[in-house]
Amino acid sequence: MGANSSAVQTKEDAGDMADQTVTHAGTALGVSNLEVVYNEVVLVLRGISIAVPEGQIVALLGANGAGKTTLLRAVTGLLDVHRGRITKGAVELFGDDITRADPAVRVKSGLAQVMEGRRIFAELTVEENLRAGAMAAPSSTFDDNYRRVLDLFPVLSARLRSTAGYLSGGEQQMLAIGRALMASPKLLLLDEPSLGLAPRIVDQIRDIVVQVNEQGTSVLLVEQNATMALKIADHGYVLEHGRIVKDGPGEALLEDKDIREFYLGMGEAGRRSFRDVKTYRRRKTWGS
């Protein structure tokens, strides 16, 4: 993992986070004061600022509907497809403003995403999927990237001519990551890579993410599995209702009382009634 987790400073409170522009020397991804609306009506992101320093793993945590996927769409340029629009703020990739850039330009600039649900080409073979991932990369990089992927995922080496749709869930996730790596990304976005996988496979995916990062690729890891994400992250952000409500070094967030209660299931026992749950939820102390 990256060595300098102090490059992203912990904010004192959620309000300061929403208003502060995030810029750092050696920043792979900088998102500053970003607001996004859908259908010109629904405000989904409310002044989000995050940073992914070069060479680091940054985790983005949040429940379903918090705005995680919308943030990724804003970064990759796919909001238009879903009738979304950036109304405020900026997105920078390695220092260049890509807020209005075409998605293809972003890929050529070193950005790649593994979407939630894997989204492999199910009717193509494993090898054909990998070749498809290399289409945006210079042809001179193909052999090195191909060897890198097969070294990372030995199971794919034995399945190169297998139809991708017949792979197991874990193998499909490995193929999705491998296909993204064929584009020689400098920044990899991972959207819920552990979703629906057995614990043993989740551990494998976690270790692969660390390996990819150690090979020089910065990573933004979007996850509901807070334990897995924070154990490997240099820094983490918590997203709720379209706002960043807490951030800090991964190890510190793992020990945070609110994170442990609301994301790791380590809170007090015995909350059975609806009234108890409501009271419990009002006790959040984000930013205090």
C-alpha atoms as a PDB file:
ATOM      1  CA  MET A   1       0.000   0.000   0.000  1.00  0.00           C
ATOM      2  CA  GLY A   2       0.970   3.638  -0.227  1.00  0.00           C
ATOM      3  CA  ALA A   3       3.318   4.943   2.408  1.00  0.00           C
ATOM      4  CA  ASN A   4       2.014   8.403   3.230  1.00  0.00           C
ATOM      5  CA  SER A   5      -1.497   8.183   4.636  1.00  0.00           C
ATOM      6  CA  SER A   6      -1.018  11.575   6.312  1.00  0.00           C
ATOM      7  CA  ALA A   7      -1.250  13.233   2.870  1.00  0.00           C
ATOM      8  CA  VAL A   8      -5.004  13.444   3.381  1.00  0.00           C
ATOM      9  CA  GLN A   9      -5.807  15.346   6.554  1.00  0.00           C
ATOM     10  CA  THR A  10      -8.665  14.331   8.845  1.00  0.00           C
ATOM     11  CA  LYS A  11     -11.357  17.020   8.877  1.00  0.00           C
ATOM     12  CA  GLU A  12     -12.729  18.322  12.185  1.00  0.00           C
ATOM     13  CA  ASP A  13     -16.373  18.111  11.250  1.00  0.00           C
ATOM     14  CA  ALA A  14     -18.751  17.147   8.488  1.00  0.00           C
ATOM     15  CA  GLY A  15     -19.612  20.760   7.672  1.00  0.00           C
ATOM     16  CA  ASP A  16     -15.972  21.665   7.063  1.00  0.00           C
ATOM     17  CA  MET A  17     -15.612  18.621   4.824  1.00  0.00           C
ATOM     18  CA  ALA A  18     -18.466  19.679   2.563  1.00  0.00           C
ATOM     19  CA  ASP A  19     -16.957  23.139   1.938  1.00  0.00           C
ATOM     20  CA  GLN A  20     -13.261  22.340   1.678  1.00  0.00           C
ATOM     21  CA  THR A  21     -11.544  21.939  -1.679  1.00  0.00           C
ATOM     22  CA  VAL A  22      -9.372  18.812  -1.707  1.00  0.00           C
ATOM     23  CA  THR A  23      -6.036  19.249  -3.484  1.00  0.00           C
ATOM     24  CA  HIS A  24      -2.745  17.486  -2.849  1.00  0.00           C
ATOM     25  CA  ALA A  25       0.612  17.203  -4.525  1.00  0.00           C
ATOM     26  CA  GLY A  26       0.755  13.834  -6.234  1.00  0.00           C
ATOM     27  CA  THR A  27      -3.005  13.342  -6.255  1.00  0.00           C
ATOM     28  CA  ALA A  28      -4.397  10.659  -8.525  1.00  0.00           C
ATOM     29  CA  LEU A  29      -8.015  11.751  -8.047  1.00  0.00           C
ATOM     30  CA  GLY A  30      -9.317  14.988  -6.582  1.00  0.00           C
ATOM     31  CA  VAL A  31     -13.048  15.613  -6.176  1.00  0.00           C
ATOM     32  CA  SER A  32     -13.899  19.083  -4.874  1.00  0.00           C
ATOM     33  CA  ASN A  33     -17.261  20.370  -3.613  1.00  0.00           C
ATOM     34  CA  LEU A  34     -19.153  18.137  -6.039  1.00  0.00           C
ATOM     35  CA  GLU A  35     -22.914  18.370  -6.440  1.00  0.00           C
ATOM     36  CA  VAL A  36     -24.909  16.066  -8.729  1.00  0.00           C
ATOM     37  CA  VAL A  37     -28.584  16.102  -9.649  1.00  0.00           C
ATOM     38  CA  TYR A  38     -30.718  13.560 -11.511  1.00  0.00           C
ATOM     39  CA  ASN A  39     -33.516  14.605 -13.861  1.00  0.00           C
ATOM     40  CA  GLU A  40     -32.805  18.244 -12.921  1.00  0.00           C
ATOM     41  CA  VAL A  41     -34.679  17.628  -9.657  1.00  0.00           C
ATOM     42  CA  VAL A  42     -33.089  15.116  -7.284  1.00  0.00           C
ATOM     43  CA  LEU A  43     -29.940  16.334  -5.533  1.00  0.00           C
ATOM     44  CA  VAL A  44     -27.878  13.230  -4.810  1.00  0.00           C
ATOM     45  CA  LEU A  45     -24.374  14.473  -4.012  1.00  0.00           C
ATOM     46  CA  ARG A  46     -24.180  17.496  -1.720  1.00  0.00           C
ATOM     47  CA  GLY A  47     -20.758  19.118  -1.851  1.00  0.00           C
ATOM     48  CA  ILE A  48     -18.503  16.067  -1.709  1.00  0.00           C
ATOM     49  CA  SER A  49     -14.723  16.453  -1.501  1.00  0.00           C
ATOM     50  CA  ILE A  50     -12.367  13.468  -1.495  1.00  0.00           C
ATOM     51  CA  ALA A  51      -8.814  12.748  -2.625  1.00  0.00           C
ATOM     52  CA  VAL A  52      -6.927   9.640  -3.694  1.00  0.00           C
ATOM     53  CA  PRO A  53      -3.185  10.318  -3.362  1.00  0.00           C
ATOM     54  CA  GLU A  54      -0.962   8.570  -5.880  1.00  0.00           C
ATOM     55  CA  GLY A  55       0.124   5.110  -4.774  1.00  0.00           C
ATOM     56  CA  GLN A  56      -2.547   4.736  -2.102  1.00  0.00           C
ATOM     57  CA  ILE A  57      -5.734   2.768  -1.467  1.00  0.00           C
ATOM     58  CA  VAL A  58      -8.662   4.938  -0.404  1.00  0.00           C
ATOM     59  CA  ALA A  59     -11.904   3.357   0.814  1.00  0.00           C
ATOM     60  CA  LEU A  60     -15.344   4.901   0.362  1.00  0.00           C
ATOM     61  CA  LEU A  61     -17.934   3.421   2.721  1.00  0.00           C
ATOM     62  CA  GLY A  62     -21.681   3.842   2.705  1.00  0.00           C
ATOM     63  CA  ALA A  63     -24.982   2.010   2.695  1.00  0.00           C
ATOM     64  CA  ASN A  64     -27.140   1.462  -0.382  1.00  0.00           C
ATOM     65  CA  GLY A  65     -28.443   4.782  -1.643  1.00  0.00           C
ATOM     66  CA  ALA A  66     -25.728   6.854   0.012  1.00  0.00           C
ATOM     67  CA  GLY A  67     -24.442   8.117  -3.348  1.00  0.00           C
ATOM     68  CA  LYS A  68     -21.373   5.924  -3.892  1.00  0.00           C
ATOM     69  CA  THR A  69     -22.265   4.823  -7.420  1.00  0.00           C
ATOM     70  CA  THR A  70     -23.263   8.370  -8.376  1.00  0.00           C
ATOM     71  CA  LEU A  71     -19.828   9.593  -7.305  1.00  0.00           C
ATOM     72  CA  LEU A  72     -18.185   6.946  -9.497  1.00  0.00           C
ATOM     73  CA  ARG A  73     -20.374   7.961 -12.445  1.00  0.00           C
ATOM     74  CA  ALA A  74     -19.256  11.561 -11.981  1.00  0.00           C
ATOM     75  CA  VAL A  75     -15.618  10.463 -11.977  1.00  0.00           C
ATOM     76  CA  THR A  76     -15.946   8.219 -15.043  1.00  0.00           C
ATOM     77  CA  GLY A  77     -18.164  10.579 -17.054  1.00  0.00           C
ATOM     78  CA  LEU A  78     -21.195   8.289 -17.187  1.00  0.00           C
ATOM     79  CA  LEU A  79     -23.736  10.540 -15.496  1.00  0.00           C
ATOM     80  CA  ASP A  80     -25.366  11.510 -18.800  1.00  0.00           C
ATOM     81  CA  VAL A  81     -26.428   7.919 -19.430  1.00  0.00           C
ATOM     82  CA  HIS A  82     -28.446   8.027 -16.207  1.00  0.00           C
ATOM     83  CA  ARG A  83     -29.843  11.565 -16.674  1.00  0.00           C
ATOM     84  CA  GLY A  84     -27.454  12.945 -14.110  1.00  0.00           C
ATOM     85  CA  ARG A  85     -25.519  16.217 -14.222  1.00  0.00           C
ATOM     86  CA  ILE A  86     -22.773  17.913 -12.234  1.00  0.00           C
ATOM     87  CA  THR A  87     -24.115  21.270 -11.062  1.00  0.00           C
ATOM     88  CA  LYS A  88     -21.179  22.360  -8.914  1.00  0.00           C
ATOM     89  CA  GLY A  89     -17.603  21.363  -8.175  1.00  0.00           C
ATOM     90  CA  ALA A  90     -14.769  19.731 -10.075  1.00  0.00           C
ATOM     91  CA  VAL A  91     -13.103  16.393 -10.752  1.00  0.00           C
ATOM     92  CA  GLU A  92      -9.355  16.227 -11.380  1.00  0.00           C
ATOM     93  CA  LEU A  93      -7.338  13.243 -12.596  1.00  0.00           C
ATOM     94  CA  PHE A  94      -3.596  13.526 -11.978  1.00  0.00           C
ATOM     95  CA  GLY A  95      -3.931  17.312 -11.877  1.00  0.00           C
ATOM     96  CA  ASP A  96      -6.027  17.684 -15.033  1.00  0.00           C
ATOM     97  CA  ASP A  97      -9.613  18.914 -14.874  1.00  0.00           C
ATOM     98  CA  ILE A  98     -11.835  16.153 -16.306  1.00  0.00           C
ATOM     99  CA  THR A  99     -15.167  17.438 -14.987  1.00  0.00           C
ATOM    100  CA  ARG A 100     -16.616  17.729 -18.518  1.00  0.00           C
ATOM    101  CA  ALA A 101     -14.254  15.345 -20.318  1.00  0.00           C
ATOM    102  CA  ASP A 102     -15.472  12.515 -22.525  1.00  0.00           C
ATOM    103  CA  PRO A 103     -15.330   9.066 -20.845  1.00  0.00           C
ATOM    104  CA  ALA A 104     -12.878   7.796 -23.484  1.00  0.00           C
ATOM    105  CA  VAL A 105     -10.502  10.657 -22.674  1.00  0.00           C
ATOM    106  CA  ARG A 106     -10.579   9.661 -19.018  1.00  0.00           C
ATOM    107  CA  VAL A 107      -9.718   6.055 -19.843  1.00  0.00           C
ATOM    108  CA  LYS A 108      -6.810   7.140 -22.027  1.00  0.00           C
ATOM    109  CA  SER A 109      -5.639   9.350 -19.162  1.00  0.00           C
ATOM    110  CA  GLY A 110      -5.242   6.302 -16.910  1.00  0.00           C
ATOM    111  CA  LEU A 111      -8.679   5.686 -15.364  1.00  0.00           C
ATOM    112  CA  ALA A 112     -10.368   2.280 -15.237  1.00  0.00           C
ATOM    113  CA  GLN A 113     -13.409   0.995 -13.364  1.00  0.00           C
ATOM    114  CA  VAL A 114     -14.669  -2.406 -12.260  1.00  0.00           C
ATOM    115  CA  MET A 115     -18.409  -1.910 -11.960  1.00  0.00           C
ATOM    116  CA  GLU A 116     -20.682  -3.442  -9.364  1.00  0.00           C
ATOM    117  CA  GLY A 117     -21.983  -6.789 -10.575  1.00  0.00           C
ATOM    118  CA  ARG A 118     -18.796  -7.480 -12.607  1.00  0.00           C
ATOM    119  CA  ARG A 119     -20.349  -6.679 -16.036  1.00  0.00           C
ATOM    120  CA  ILE A 120     -18.154  -9.118 -17.940  1.00  0.00           C
ATOM    121  CA  PHE A 121     -18.993 -10.148 -21.512  1.00  0.00           C
ATOM    122  CA  ALA A 122     -20.696 -13.392 -20.568  1.00  0.00           C
ATOM    123  CA  GLU A 123     -20.833 -14.887 -24.072  1.00  0.00           C
ATOM    124  CA  LEU A 124     -17.161 -14.274 -24.828  1.00  0.00           C
ATOM    125  CA  THR A 125     -14.266 -16.385 -23.626  1.00  0.00           C
ATOM    126  CA  VAL A 126     -11.974 -15.326 -20.810  1.00  0.00           C
ATOM    127  CA  GLU A 127      -9.245 -14.464 -23.303  1.00  0.00           C
ATOM    128  CA  GLU A 128     -11.647 -12.413 -25.439  1.00  0.00           C
ATOM    129  CA  ASN A 129     -12.728 -10.461 -22.366  1.00  0.00           C
ATOM    130  CA  LEU A 130      -9.114  -9.650 -21.573  1.00  0.00           C
ATOM    131  CA  ARG A 131      -8.429  -8.570 -25.142  1.00  0.00           C
ATOM    132  CA  ALA A 132     -11.479  -6.319 -25.020  1.00  0.00           C
ATOM    133  CA  GLY A 133     -10.062  -4.624 -21.951  1.00  0.00           C
ATOM    134  CA  ALA A 134      -6.874  -3.801 -23.857  1.00  0.00           C
ATOM    135  CA  MET A 135      -8.590  -1.906 -26.670  1.00  0.00           C
ATOM    136  CA  ALA A 136      -7.949   1.522 -25.135  1.00  0.00           C
ATOM    137  CA  ALA A 137      -4.293   0.800 -24.292  1.00  0.00           C
ATOM    138  CA  PRO A 138      -1.291   1.089 -26.634  1.00  0.00           C
ATOM    139  CA  SER A 139      -0.673  -2.208 -28.432  1.00  0.00           C
ATOM    140  CA  SER A 140       2.902  -2.152 -27.142  1.00  0.00           C
ATOM    141  CA  THR A 141       1.630  -2.731 -23.600  1.00  0.00           C
ATOM    142  CA  PHE A 142      -0.510  -5.780 -24.388  1.00  0.00           C
ATOM    143  CA  ASP A 143       2.042  -8.543 -23.699  1.00  0.00           C
ATOM    144  CA  ASP A 144       3.192  -7.073 -20.392  1.00  0.00           C
ATOM    145  CA  ASN A 145      -0.375  -6.446 -19.207  1.00  0.00           C
ATOM    146  CA  TYR A 146      -1.465  -9.924 -20.281  1.00  0.00           C
ATOM    147  CA  ARG A 147       1.354 -11.564 -18.308  1.00  0.00           C
ATOM    148  CA  ARG A 148       0.602  -9.332 -15.315  1.00  0.00           C
ATOM    149  CA  VAL A 149      -3.064 -10.353 -15.265  1.00  0.00           C
ATOM    150  CA  LEU A 150      -2.355 -14.066 -15.582  1.00  0.00           C
ATOM    151  CA  ASP A 151       0.276 -13.826 -12.836  1.00  0.00           C
ATOM    152  CA  LEU A 152      -2.258 -12.131 -10.565  1.00  0.00           C
ATOM    153  CA  PHE A 153      -5.029 -14.599 -11.467  1.00  0.00           C
ATOM    154  CA  PRO A 154      -3.560 -18.062 -12.141  1.00  0.00           C
ATOM    155  CA  VAL A 155      -7.078 -19.514 -12.194  1.00  0.00           C
ATOM    156  CA  LEU A 156      -7.772 -17.544 -15.377  1.00  0.00           C
ATOM    157  CA  SER A 157      -4.768 -19.101 -17.112  1.00  0.00           C
ATOM    158  CA  ALA A 158      -6.495 -22.460 -17.022  1.00  0.00           C
ATOM    159  CA  ARG A 159      -9.802 -20.995 -18.220  1.00  0.00           C
ATOM    160  CA  LEU A 160      -8.716 -18.801 -21.131  1.00  0.00           C
ATOM    161  CA  ARG A 161     -10.947 -20.592 -23.640  1.00  0.00           C
ATOM    162  CA  SER A 162     -13.866 -21.034 -21.262  1.00  0.00           C
ATOM    163  CA  THR A 163     -17.032 -19.012 -21.822  1.00  0.00           C
ATOM    164  CA  ALA A 164     -16.958 -16.271 -19.199  1.00  0.00           C
ATOM    165  CA  GLY A 165     -20.609 -16.705 -18.241  1.00  0.00           C
ATOM    166  CA  TYR A 166     -19.864 -20.180 -16.896  1.00  0.00           C
ATOM    167  CA  LEU A 167     -17.220 -19.001 -14.437  1.00  0.00           C
ATOM    168  CA  SER A 168     -17.974 -18.909 -10.726  1.00  0.00           C
ATOM    169  CA  GLY A 169     -18.804 -15.587  -9.102  1.00  0.00           C
ATOM    170  CA  GLY A 170     -15.306 -15.224  -7.714  1.00  0.00           C
ATOM    171  CA  GLU A 171     -13.708 -16.078 -11.056  1.00  0.00           C
ATOM    172  CA  GLN A 172     -15.934 -13.547 -12.812  1.00  0.00           C
ATOM    173  CA  GLN A 173     -14.847 -10.854 -10.349  1.00  0.00           C
ATOM    174  CA  MET A 174     -11.212 -11.742 -10.993  1.00  0.00           C
ATOM    175  CA  LEU A 175     -11.861 -11.533 -14.735  1.00  0.00           C
ATOM    176  CA  ALA A 176     -13.524  -8.130 -14.338  1.00  0.00           C
ATOM    177  CA  ILE A 177     -10.503  -6.805 -12.437  1.00  0.00           C
ATOM    178  CA  GLY A 178      -8.117  -8.412 -14.917  1.00  0.00           C
ATOM    179  CA  ARG A 179      -9.976  -6.887 -17.864  1.00  0.00           C
ATOM    180  CA  ALA A 180      -9.669  -3.424 -16.269  1.00  0.00           C
ATOM    181  CA  LEU A 181      -5.938  -3.929 -15.703  1.00  0.00           C
ATOM    182  CA  MET A 182      -5.460  -4.666 -19.395  1.00  0.00           C
ATOM    183  CA  ALA A 183      -5.988  -0.934 -20.005  1.00  0.00           C
ATOM    184  CA  SER A 184      -2.839  -0.046 -18.000  1.00  0.00           C
ATOM    185  CA  PRO A 185      -4.729   2.093 -15.482  1.00  0.00           C
ATOM    186  CA  LYS A 186      -2.932   4.438 -13.128  1.00  0.00           C
ATOM    187  CA  LEU A 187      -6.110   4.725 -11.050  1.00  0.00           C
ATOM    188  CA  LEU A 188      -8.496   1.799 -10.536  1.00  0.00           C
ATOM    189  CA  LEU A 189     -12.059   2.305  -9.294  1.00  0.00           C
ATOM    190  CA  LEU A 190     -13.575  -0.781  -7.663  1.00  0.00           C
ATOM    191  CA  ASP A 191     -17.331  -0.762  -7.015  1.00  0.00           C
ATOM    192  CA  GLU A 192     -18.351  -3.373  -4.413  1.00  0.00           C
ATOM    193  CA  PRO A 193     -15.845  -6.069  -5.491  1.00  0.00           C
ATOM    194  CA  SER A 194     -16.770  -8.322  -2.535  1.00  0.00           C
ATOM    195  CA  LEU A 195     -20.525  -8.241  -3.181  1.00  0.00           C
ATOM    196  CA  GLY A 196     -22.108 -11.693  -3.157  1.00  0.00           C
ATOM    197  CA  LEU A 197     -18.852 -13.581  -2.680  1.00  0.00           C
ATOM    198  CA  ALA A 198     -17.972 -16.195  -0.071  1.00  0.00           C
ATOM    199  CA  PRO A 199     -15.644 -15.030   2.738  1.00  0.00           C
ATOM    200  CA  ARG A 200     -12.730 -17.051   1.387  1.00  0.00           C
ATOM    201  CA  ILE A 201     -13.062 -15.407  -2.043  1.00  0.00           C
ATOM    202  CA  VAL A 202     -13.427 -11.978  -0.437  1.00  0.00           C
ATOM    203  CA  ASP A 203     -10.050 -12.538   1.219  1.00  0.00           C
ATOM    204  CA  GLN A 204      -8.545 -13.416  -2.169  1.00  0.00           C
ATOM    205  CA  ILE A 205      -9.977 -10.288  -3.776  1.00  0.00           C
ATOM    206  CA  ARG A 206      -8.656  -8.195  -0.871  1.00  0.00           C
ATOM    207  CA  ASP A 207      -5.157  -9.595  -1.312  1.00  0.00           C
ATOM    208  CA  ILE A 208      -5.296  -8.988  -5.064  1.00  0.00           C
ATOM    209  CA  VAL A 209      -6.287  -5.343  -4.522  1.00  0.00           C
ATOM    210  CA  VAL A 210      -3.256  -4.923  -2.271  1.00  0.00           C
ATOM    211  CA  GLN A 211      -1.019  -6.556  -4.895  1.00  0.00           C
ATOM    212  CA  VAL A 212      -2.349  -4.320  -7.652  1.00  0.00           C
ATOM    213  CA  ASN A 213      -1.679  -1.286  -5.480  1.00  0.00           C
ATOM    214  CA  GLU A 214       1.828  -2.448  -4.617  1.00  0.00           C
ATOM    215  CA  GLN A 215       2.519  -2.699  -8.351  1.00  0.00           C
ATOM    216  CA  GLY A 216       1.905   1.039  -8.656  1.00  0.00           C
ATOM    217  CA  THR A 217      -1.827   1.464  -9.302  1.00  0.00           C
ATOM    218  CA  SER A 218      -3.763   3.859  -7.074  1.00  0.00           C
ATOM    219  CA  VAL A 219      -7.129   2.487  -5.920  1.00  0.00           C
ATOM    220  CA  LEU A 220     -10.490   3.933  -4.920  1.00  0.00           C
ATOM    221  CA  LEU A 221     -12.319   1.059  -3.218  1.00  0.00           C
ATOM    222  CA  VAL A 222     -16.082   1.516  -2.846  1.00  0.00           C
ATOM    223  CA  GLU A 223     -17.399  -1.038  -0.357  1.00  0.00           C
ATOM    224  CA  GLN A 224     -20.127  -1.940   2.101  1.00  0.00           C
ATOM    225  CA  ASN A 225     -17.743  -4.488   3.630  1.00  0.00           C
ATOM    226  CA  ALA A 226     -16.123  -1.936   5.931  1.00  0.00           C
ATOM    227  CA  THR A 227     -13.847  -4.413   7.689  1.00  0.00           C
ATOM    228  CA  MET A 228     -12.259  -5.631   4.470  1.00  0.00           C
ATOM    229  CA  ALA A 229     -11.906  -2.143   3.010  1.00  0.00           C
ATOM    230  CA  LEU A 230     -10.472  -0.391   6.065  1.00  0.00           C
ATOM    231  CA  LYS A 231      -7.939  -3.124   6.795  1.00  0.00           C
ATOM    232  CA  ILE A 232      -6.154  -2.377   3.526  1.00  0.00           C
ATOM    233  CA  ALA A 233      -6.954   1.310   3.035  1.00  0.00           C
ATOM    234  CA  ASP A 234      -4.511   4.124   3.727  1.00  0.00           C
ATOM    235  CA  HIS A 235      -7.459   6.452   4.170  1.00  0.00           C
ATOM    236  CA  GLY A 236     -11.235   6.129   4.293  1.00  0.00           C
ATOM    237  CA  TYR A 237     -14.344   8.256   3.812  1.00  0.00           C
ATOM    238  CA  VAL A 238     -17.879   7.603   5.051  1.00  0.00           C
ATOM    239  CA  LEU A 239     -20.691   8.739   2.757  1.00  0.00           C
ATOM    240  CA  GLU A 240     -24.264   9.161   4.009  1.00  0.00           C
ATOM    241  CA  HIS A 241     -27.190  10.792   2.204  1.00  0.00           C
ATOM    242  CA  GLY A 242     -24.909  12.393  -0.352  1.00  0.00           C
ATOM    243  CA  ARG A 243     -22.466  13.907   2.148  1.00  0.00           C
ATOM    244  CA  ILE A 244     -19.070  12.925   3.511  1.00  0.00           C
ATOM    245  CA  VAL A 245     -19.731  12.635   7.241  1.00  0.00           C
ATOM    246  CA  LYS A 246     -16.392  11.271   8.457  1.00  0.00           C
ATOM    247  CA  ASP A 247     -12.905  10.473   7.182  1.00  0.00           C
ATOM    248  CA  GLY A 248      -9.517   9.479   8.474  1.00  0.00           C
ATOM    249  CA  PRO A 249      -6.733   6.888   8.193  1.00  0.00           C
ATOM    250  CA  GLY A 250      -8.065   3.372   7.625  1.00  0.00           C
ATOM    251  CA  GLU A 251      -6.687   2.000  10.895  1.00  0.00           C
ATOM    252  CA  ALA A 252      -8.189   4.885  12.874  1.00  0.00           C
ATOM    253  CA  LEU A 253     -11.626   4.379  11.321  1.00  0.00           C
ATOM    254  CA  LEU A 254     -11.486   0.687  12.211  1.00  0.00           C
ATOM    255  CA  GLU A 255     -11.172   1.705  15.855  1.00  0.00           C
ATOM    256  CA  ASP A 256     -13.755   4.492  15.697  1.00  0.00           C
ATOM    257  CA  LYS A 257     -16.736   3.823  17.976  1.00  0.00           C
ATOM    258  CA  ASP A 258     -19.375   4.966  15.480  1.00  0.00           C
ATOM    259  CA  ILE A 259     -17.819   3.042  12.608  1.00  0.00           C
ATOM    260  CA  ARG A 260     -17.681  -0.090  14.752  1.00  0.00           C
ATOM    261  CA  GLU A 261     -21.336   0.274  15.769  1.00  0.00           C
ATOM    262  CA  PHE A 262     -22.886   1.272  12.473  1.00  0.00           C
ATOM    263  CA  TYR A 263     -20.640  -0.466   9.926  1.00  0.00           C
ATOM    264  CA  LEU A 264     -18.902  -3.336  11.685  1.00  0.00           C
ATOM    265  CA  GLY A 265     -21.829  -4.606  13.788  1.00  0.00           C
ATOM    266  CA  MET A 266     -19.914  -4.273  17.057  1.00  0.00           C
ATOM    267  CA  GLY A 267     -22.318  -2.026  18.946  1.00  0.00           C
ATOM    268  CA  GLU A 268     -24.305  -2.644  22.068  1.00  0.00           C
ATOM    269  CA  ALA A 269     -26.571  -5.682  22.134  1.00  0.00           C
ATOM    270  CA  GLY A 270     -30.235  -5.929  22.963  1.00  0.00           C
ATOM    271  CA  ARG A 271     -31.830  -3.313  20.693  1.00  0.00           C
ATOM    272  CA  ARG A 272     -35.070  -5.065  19.788  1.00  0.00           C
ATOM    273  CA  SER A 273     -37.836  -2.497  19.474  1.00  0.00           C
ATOM    274  CA  PHE A 274     -38.298   0.057  16.694  1.00  0.00           C
ATOM    275  CA  ARG A 275     -38.102   2.782  19.322  1.00  0.00           C
ATOM    276  CA  ASP A 276     -34.720   1.450  20.520  1.00  0.00           C
ATOM    277  CA  VAL A 277     -33.387   1.455  16.977  1.00  0.00           C
ATOM    278  CA  LYS A 278     -34.539   5.045  16.349  1.00  0.00           C
ATOM    279  CA  THR A 279     -32.929   6.219  19.571  1.00  0.00           C
ATOM    280  CA  TYR A 280     -29.752   4.339  18.727  1.00  0.00           C
ATOM    281  CA  ARG A 281     -29.511   5.918  15.288  1.00  0.00           C
ATOM    282  CA  ARG A 282     -29.918   9.434  16.693  1.00  0.00           C
ATOM    283  CA  ARG A 283     -26.831   8.849  18.846  1.00  0.00           C
ATOM    284  CA  LYS A 284     -24.404   9.105  15.933  1.00  0.00           C
ATOM    285  CA  THR A 285     -21.642  11.557  16.676  1.00  0.00           C
ATOM    286  CA  TRP A 286     -20.144  11.970  13.203  1.00  0.00           C
ATOM    287  CA  GLY A 287     -17.603  14.722  13.215  1.00  0.00           C
ATOM    288  CA  SER A 288     -17.687  15.333  16.955  1.00  0.00           C
END
